[in-house]
PDB file of N, CA and C in Angstrom:
ATOM      1  N   MET A   1     -64.118  -0.148  66.717  1.00  0.00           N
ATOM      2  CA  MET A   1     -62.524  -0.020  66.624  1.00  0.00           C
ATOM      3  C   MET A   1     -62.203  -1.679  66.694  1.00  0.00           C
ATOM      4  N   THR A   2     -61.280  -1.992  65.987  1.00  0.00           N
ATOM      5  CA  THR A   2     -60.952  -3.518  65.717  1.00  0.00           C
ATOM      6  C   THR A   2     -59.858  -3.551  66.866  1.00  0.00           C
ATOM      7  N   PRO A   3     -59.650  -4.992  67.046  1.00  0.00           N
ATOM      8  CA  PRO A   3     -58.731  -5.243  68.063  1.00  0.00           C
ATOM      9  C   PRO A   3     -57.265  -4.789  67.497  1.00  0.00           C
ATOM     10  N   GLN A   4     -56.851  -4.920  66.351  1.00  0.00           N
ATOM     11  CA  GLN A   4     -55.693  -4.582  65.745  1.00  0.00           C
ATOM     12  C   GLN A   4     -55.386  -3.065  65.914  1.00  0.00           C
ATOM     13  N   GLU A   5     -56.525  -2.189  65.678  1.00  0.00           N
ATOM     14  CA  GLU A   5     -56.388  -0.773  65.735  1.00  0.00           C
ATOM     15  C   GLU A   5     -56.249  -0.281  67.168  1.00  0.00           C
ATOM     16  N   GLU A   6     -56.876  -0.943  68.084  1.00  0.00           N
ATOM     17  CA  GLU A   6     -56.658  -0.612  69.453  1.00  0.00           C
ATOM     18  C   GLU A   6     -55.373  -1.167  69.991  1.00  0.00           C
ATOM     19  N   GLU A   7     -54.849  -2.258  69.451  1.00  0.00           N
ATOM     20  CA  GLU A   7     -53.381  -2.555  69.766  1.00  0.00           C
ATOM     21  C   GLU A   7     -52.415  -1.433  69.227  1.00  0.00           C
ATOM     22  N   ARG A   8     -52.424  -1.041  68.066  1.00  0.00           N
ATOM     23  CA  ARG A   8     -51.773   0.010  67.510  1.00  0.00           C
ATOM     24  C   ARG A   8     -51.668   1.165  68.388  1.00  0.00           C
ATOM     25  N   PHE A   9     -52.905   1.727  68.785  1.00  0.00           N
ATOM     26  CA  PHE A   9     -53.098   2.863  69.648  1.00  0.00           C
ATOM     27  C   PHE A   9     -52.421   2.768  70.832  1.00  0.00           C
ATOM     28  N   LYS A  10     -52.198   1.563  71.495  1.00  0.00           N
ATOM     29  CA  LYS A  10     -51.665   1.394  72.958  1.00  0.00           C
ATOM     30  C   LYS A  10     -50.200   1.545  72.639  1.00  0.00           C
ATOM     31  N   ARG A  11     -49.776   0.851  71.333  1.00  0.00           N
ATOM     32  CA  ARG A  11     -48.525   0.943  71.027  1.00  0.00           C
ATOM     33  C   ARG A  11     -47.778   2.411  70.854  1.00  0.00           C
ATOM     34  N   ALA A  12     -48.674   3.073  70.257  1.00  0.00           N
ATOM     35  CA  ALA A  12     -48.079   4.545  69.967  1.00  0.00           C
ATOM     36  C   ALA A  12     -48.174   5.501  71.397  1.00  0.00           C
ATOM     37  N   ARG A  13     -49.150   5.055  72.171  1.00  0.00           N
ATOM     38  CA  ARG A  13     -49.202   5.714  73.340  1.00  0.00           C
ATOM     39  C   ARG A  13     -48.155   5.453  74.226  1.00  0.00           C
ATOM     40  N   LYS A  14     -47.726   4.342  74.182  1.00  0.00           N
ATOM     41  CA  LYS A  14     -46.839   3.618  75.104  1.00  0.00           C
ATOM     42  C   LYS A  14     -45.668   4.088  74.805  1.00  0.00           C
ATOM     43  N   SER A  15     -45.075   4.463  73.383  1.00  0.00           N
ATOM     44  CA  SER A  15     -43.909   4.888  72.963  1.00  0.00           C
ATOM     45  C   SER A  15     -43.869   6.458  73.257  1.00  0.00           C
ATOM     46  N   ARG A  16     -45.121   7.302  73.024  1.00  0.00           N
ATOM     47  CA  ARG A  16     -45.152   8.385  73.260  1.00  0.00           C
ATOM     48  C   ARG A  16     -44.724   8.888  74.855  1.00  0.00           C
ATOM     49  N   ASN A  17     -45.289   8.122  75.656  1.00  0.00           N
ATOM     50  CA  ASN A  17     -45.280   8.329  77.199  1.00  0.00           C
ATOM     51  C   ASN A  17     -43.663   7.972  77.491  1.00  0.00           C
ATOM     52  N   LEU A  18     -43.075   6.926  76.775  1.00  0.00           N
ATOM     53  CA  LEU A  18     -41.644   6.803  77.059  1.00  0.00           C
ATOM     54  C   LEU A  18     -40.959   7.827  76.665  1.00  0.00           C
ATOM     55  N   VAL A  19     -41.074   8.318  75.493  1.00  0.00           N
ATOM     56  CA  VAL A  19     -40.435   9.408  75.133  1.00  0.00           C
ATOM     57  C   VAL A  19     -40.460  10.738  75.940  1.00  0.00           C
ATOM     58  N   LEU A  20     -41.707  11.057  76.216  1.00  0.00           N
ATOM     59  CA  LEU A  20     -41.977  12.086  77.405  1.00  0.00           C
ATOM     60  C   LEU A  20     -41.320  12.026  78.379  1.00  0.00           C
ATOM     61  N   GLY A  21     -41.387  10.672  79.167  1.00  0.00           N
ATOM     62  CA  GLY A  21     -40.578  10.235  80.350  1.00  0.00           C
ATOM     63  C   GLY A  21     -39.145  10.622  80.303  1.00  0.00           C
ATOM     64  N   LEU A  22     -38.571  10.375  79.136  1.00  0.00           N
ATOM     65  CA  LEU A  22     -37.004  10.505  78.927  1.00  0.00           C
ATOM     66  C   LEU A  22     -36.775  12.003  78.846  1.00  0.00           C
ATOM     67  N   VAL A  23     -37.656  12.703  78.252  1.00  0.00           N
ATOM     68  CA  VAL A  23     -37.502  14.334  77.940  1.00  0.00           C
ATOM     69  C   VAL A  23     -37.437  14.936  79.392  1.00  0.00           C
ATOM     70  N   LEU A  24     -38.519  14.602  80.164  1.00  0.00           N
ATOM     71  CA  LEU A  24     -38.652  14.911  81.727  1.00  0.00           C
ATOM     72  C   LEU A  24     -37.259  14.801  82.215  1.00  0.00           C
ATOM     73  N   LEU A  25     -36.897  13.709  82.186  1.00  0.00           N
ATOM     74  CA  LEU A  25     -35.723  13.150  83.010  1.00  0.00           C
ATOM     75  C   LEU A  25     -34.641  13.783  82.470  1.00  0.00           C
ATOM     76  N   GLY A  26     -34.334  14.079  81.316  1.00  0.00           N
ATOM     77  CA  GLY A  26     -33.209  15.031  80.605  1.00  0.00           C
ATOM     78  C   GLY A  26     -33.411  16.548  81.477  1.00  0.00           C
ATOM     79  N   PHE A  27     -34.582  16.847  81.329  1.00  0.00           N
ATOM     80  CA  PHE A  27     -34.639  18.493  81.914  1.00  0.00           C
ATOM     81  C   PHE A  27     -34.160  18.547  83.573  1.00  0.00           C
ATOM     82  N   ALA A  28     -34.781  17.401  84.357  1.00  0.00           N
ATOM     83  CA  ALA A  28     -34.331  17.227  85.623  1.00  0.00           C
ATOM     84  C   ALA A  28     -32.976  16.913  85.766  1.00  0.00           C
ATOM     85  N   MET A  29     -32.274  16.225  84.950  1.00  0.00           N
ATOM     86  CA  MET A  29     -30.725  16.180  85.086  1.00  0.00           C
ATOM     87  C   MET A  29     -30.037  17.489  84.788  1.00  0.00           C
ATOM     88  N   LEU A  30     -30.632  18.309  83.691  1.00  0.00           N
ATOM     89  CA  LEU A  30     -30.006  19.481  83.511  1.00  0.00           C
ATOM     90  C   LEU A  30     -30.202  20.603  84.328  1.00  0.00           C
ATOM     91  N   PHE A  31     -31.304  20.607  85.107  1.00  0.00           N
ATOM     92  CA  PHE A  31     -31.513  21.694  86.349  1.00  0.00           C
ATOM     93  C   PHE A  31     -30.499  21.217  87.301  1.00  0.00           C
ATOM     94  N   TYR A  32     -30.687  19.930  87.753  1.00  0.00           N
ATOM     95  CA  TYR A  32     -29.778  19.470  88.538  1.00  0.00           C
ATOM     96  C   TYR A  32     -28.177  19.709  88.391  1.00  0.00           C
ATOM     97  N   ALA A  33     -27.786  19.699  87.165  1.00  0.00           N
ATOM     98  CA  ALA A  33     -26.420  20.046  86.718  1.00  0.00           C
ATOM     99  C   ALA A  33     -26.192  21.545  87.087  1.00  0.00           C
ATOM    100  N   ILE A  34     -27.042  22.173  86.618  1.00  0.00           N
ATOM    101  CA  ILE A  34     -27.079  23.972  86.441  1.00  0.00           C
ATOM    102  C   ILE A  34     -26.897  24.349  87.997  1.00  0.00           C
ATOM    103  N   THR A  35     -27.710  23.561  88.939  1.00  0.00           N
ATOM    104  CA  THR A  35     -27.732  23.992  90.373  1.00  0.00           C
ATOM    105  C   THR A  35     -26.386  23.715  90.778  1.00  0.00           C
ATOM    106  N   ILE A  36     -25.808  22.484  90.708  1.00  0.00           N
ATOM    107  CA  ILE A  36     -24.426  21.915  91.196  1.00  0.00           C
ATOM    108  C   ILE A  36     -23.563  23.149  90.782  1.00  0.00           C
ATOM    109  N   VAL A  37     -23.399  23.348  89.418  1.00  0.00           N
ATOM    110  CA  VAL A  37     -22.368  24.497  89.029  1.00  0.00           C
ATOM    111  C   VAL A  37     -22.541  25.584  89.616  1.00  0.00           C
ATOM    112  N   ARG A  38     -23.917  26.165  89.825  1.00  0.00           N
ATOM    113  CA  ARG A  38     -23.808  27.662  90.432  1.00  0.00           C
ATOM    114  C   ARG A  38     -23.636  27.548  91.834  1.00  0.00           C
ATOM    115  N   VAL A  39     -23.832  26.445  92.455  1.00  0.00           N
ATOM    116  CA  VAL A  39     -23.704  26.363  93.992  1.00  0.00           C
ATOM    117  C   VAL A  39     -22.255  26.256  94.194  1.00  0.00           C
ATOM    118  N   GLY A  40     -21.594  25.673  93.329  1.00  0.00           N
ATOM    119  CA  GLY A  40     -20.172  25.174  93.487  1.00  0.00           C
ATOM    120  C   GLY A  40     -18.955  26.594  93.308  1.00  0.00           C
ATOM    121  N   GLU A  41     -19.896  27.533  92.558  1.00  0.00           N
ATOM    122  CA  GLU A  41     -19.011  28.542  92.398  1.00  0.00           C
ATOM    123  C   GLU A  41     -18.809  29.542  93.643  1.00  0.00           C
TER     124      GLU A  41
END
């Protein structure tokens, strides 16, 4: 594998991890909001 290919794979992996982290954060915030609404009733 050439250094250019390796760098491209690292960039793709980093962006994938960032998107996955944002999705997980969104789910955590959604569950938190649902919990607050249900407890508030």
